[in-house]
Amino acid sequence: MVTFKNLSAYDGDLPADGETRKIDVGPLYDLARIKALTELPDAVNLWTAKARRDVANLAMEPADVGGMIRQLTEHDYRDSEWCDNGKGSCAACDAYALTRDEYVEHAGKSYRMVYFLKFAESRTGKLVLIVSCHTSN
């Protein structure tokens, strides 16, 4: 049995082995507060290897992810769940889907893109822990 340390601001109970990672209540974090945090230098933390890989694959930087979070509305919320970082720590995360049109220069036209973002507020309240940031394409 692995014991995880909760690094998120959410104080709910961690799931036991074999229990669902989904959290029935949500969103867990105040979106306006998360948006404000993304404006601070170095507050957007690519917390998992998956997040670092996702953001690199999108040719983005953490600040770009912060910009996408600032575009979210309450209607973009999908669900909440516990996520781990592969290093013995976990965070209760909110998942959102952001839909926006983007012009792709080499194609010469716009495409509708859907980005899935999963993040948590850190226990200290000073970081946004990014767990994943990817497209549906």
Protein backbone atom coordinates (compact mmCIF):
# COMPACT_ATOMS: atom_id res chain seq x y z
CA MET A 1 0.00 0.00 0.00
CA VAL A 2 1.36 3.40 -1.02
CA THR A 3 0.84 6.31 1.34
CA PHE A 4 0.44 9.60 -0.47
CA LYS A 5 0.97 13.08 0.90
CA ASN A 6 -1.75 15.56 -0.12
CA LEU A 7 -0.13 18.73 -1.48
CA SER A 8 -3.39 20.40 -2.52
CA ALA A 9 -5.46 22.96 -0.65
CA TYR A 10 -8.44 20.55 -0.68
CA ASP A 11 -8.73 18.70 2.64
CA GLY A 12 -10.99 15.80 1.64
CA ASP A 13 -10.13 12.20 2.40
CA LEU A 14 -7.76 10.41 0.06
CA PRO A 15 -9.27 7.33 -1.59
CA ALA A 16 -8.26 3.93 -0.24
CA ASP A 17 -6.67 1.38 -2.58
CA GLY A 18 -9.23 0.26 -5.13
CA GLU A 19 -11.64 3.17 -4.47
CA THR A 20 -12.58 5.64 -7.16
CA ARG A 21 -10.35 8.66 -7.58
CA LYS A 22 -13.32 10.82 -8.60
CA ILE A 23 -14.52 13.41 -6.09
CA ASP A 24 -18.30 13.85 -6.01
CA VAL A 25 -18.28 17.54 -5.08
CA GLY A 26 -16.79 20.23 -7.23
CA PRO A 27 -15.39 22.39 -8.45
CA LEU A 28 -13.03 22.24 -5.50
CA TYR A 29 -11.31 25.59 -6.06
CA ASP A 30 -12.51 29.12 -6.62
CA LEU A 31 -11.78 29.74 -10.30
CA ALA A 32 -11.30 33.50 -9.77
CA ARG A 33 -8.60 32.76 -7.18
CA ILE A 34 -6.88 30.27 -9.48
CA LYS A 35 -6.95 32.81 -12.31
CA ALA A 36 -5.39 35.44 -10.04
CA LEU A 37 -2.65 33.00 -9.01
CA THR A 38 -1.74 32.39 -12.66
CA GLU A 39 -0.85 36.09 -12.97
CA LEU A 40 1.94 35.74 -10.39
CA PRO A 41 5.50 34.98 -11.55
CA ASP A 42 6.38 31.28 -11.32
CA ALA A 43 3.00 30.34 -9.80
CA VAL A 44 2.07 27.90 -12.59
CA ASN A 45 3.90 24.68 -11.73
CA LEU A 46 4.06 21.77 -14.19
CA TRP A 47 3.67 19.30 -11.35
CA THR A 48 3.75 15.96 -13.18
CA ALA A 49 5.92 14.45 -15.89
CA LYS A 50 2.73 14.19 -17.96
CA ALA A 51 2.11 17.95 -17.62
CA ARG A 52 5.68 18.73 -18.66
CA ARG A 53 5.33 16.40 -21.67
CA ASP A 54 1.87 17.79 -22.58
CA VAL A 55 3.05 21.41 -22.49
CA ALA A 56 6.22 20.62 -24.46
CA ASN A 57 4.18 18.76 -27.10
CA LEU A 58 1.97 21.84 -27.48
CA ALA A 59 5.10 24.05 -27.81
CA MET A 60 3.92 26.10 -24.84
CA GLU A 61 5.36 27.47 -21.63
CA PRO A 62 3.78 27.48 -18.15
CA ALA A 63 2.71 31.10 -18.71
CA ASP A 64 0.71 29.95 -21.77
CA VAL A 65 -1.11 27.42 -19.59
CA GLY A 66 -1.86 30.22 -17.13
CA GLY A 67 -3.31 32.23 -20.01
CA MET A 68 -5.61 29.33 -20.92
CA ILE A 69 -6.75 29.01 -17.31
CA ARG A 70 -7.65 32.71 -17.32
CA GLN A 71 -9.96 32.03 -20.29
CA LEU A 72 -11.95 29.36 -18.41
CA THR A 73 -15.48 29.91 -17.15
CA GLU A 74 -17.53 27.92 -14.65
CA HIS A 75 -19.29 26.29 -17.64
CA ASP A 76 -15.99 24.71 -18.72
CA TYR A 77 -15.77 22.61 -15.52
CA ARG A 78 -15.94 18.83 -16.07
CA ASP A 79 -15.18 16.98 -12.83
CA SER A 80 -12.76 16.59 -9.94
CA GLU A 81 -10.47 13.75 -8.97
CA TRP A 82 -7.38 12.77 -7.02
CA CYS A 83 -4.17 12.72 -9.07
CA ASP A 84 -0.65 11.70 -8.12
CA ASN A 85 2.67 13.00 -9.37
CA GLY A 86 4.48 9.66 -9.41
CA LYS A 87 6.67 10.73 -6.50
CA GLY A 88 4.47 9.89 -3.50
CA SER A 89 2.38 13.06 -3.50
CA CYS A 90 -1.17 13.65 -4.65
CA ALA A 91 -3.52 16.56 -5.22
CA ALA A 92 -7.26 16.90 -5.54
CA CYS A 93 -7.74 18.42 -9.00
CA ASP A 94 -10.43 20.16 -10.99
CA ALA A 95 -10.67 19.28 -14.69
CA TYR A 96 -11.85 21.79 -17.30
CA ALA A 97 -12.26 21.74 -21.08
CA LEU A 98 -11.48 24.97 -22.95
CA THR A 99 -12.79 25.31 -26.50
CA ARG A 100 -11.33 28.04 -28.68
CA ASP A 101 -10.69 28.77 -32.35
CA GLU A 102 -7.03 29.02 -33.35
CA TYR A 103 -5.50 30.11 -36.61
CA VAL A 104 -2.94 27.61 -37.91
CA GLU A 105 -0.57 29.55 -40.12
CA HIS A 106 0.89 26.68 -42.15
CA ALA A 107 -2.66 25.43 -42.93
CA GLY A 108 -3.95 28.93 -43.63
CA LYS A 109 -7.16 28.48 -41.66
CA SER A 110 -8.72 28.35 -38.20
CA TYR A 111 -9.50 25.19 -36.30
CA ARG A 112 -11.68 24.62 -33.27
CA MET A 113 -9.41 23.28 -30.53
CA VAL A 114 -10.45 21.68 -27.26
CA TYR A 115 -7.88 21.77 -24.46
CA PHE A 116 -8.26 19.66 -21.34
CA LEU A 117 -6.67 21.17 -18.24
CA LYS A 118 -6.41 19.49 -14.86
CA PHE A 119 -5.01 21.45 -11.93
CA ALA A 120 -5.06 22.05 -8.19
CA GLU A 121 -4.27 24.87 -5.83
CA SER A 122 -1.26 24.01 -3.66
CA ARG A 123 -1.65 23.62 0.10
CA THR A 124 0.33 26.85 0.55
CA GLY A 125 -2.06 28.70 -1.78
CA LYS A 126 0.88 30.04 -3.79
CA LEU A 127 1.00 27.62 -6.74
CA VAL A 128 -1.29 26.19 -9.37
CA LEU A 129 -0.24 22.54 -9.74
CA ILE A 130 -0.77 21.52 -13.37
CA VAL A 131 -1.40 17.78 -13.76
CA SER A 132 -2.29 17.72 -17.46
CA CYS A 133 -2.84 20.07 -20.42
CA HIS A 134 -3.64 18.39 -23.72
CA THR A 135 -5.94 18.56 -26.71
CA SER A 136 -8.54 16.07 -27.84
CA ASN A 137 -6.90 15.88 -31.26
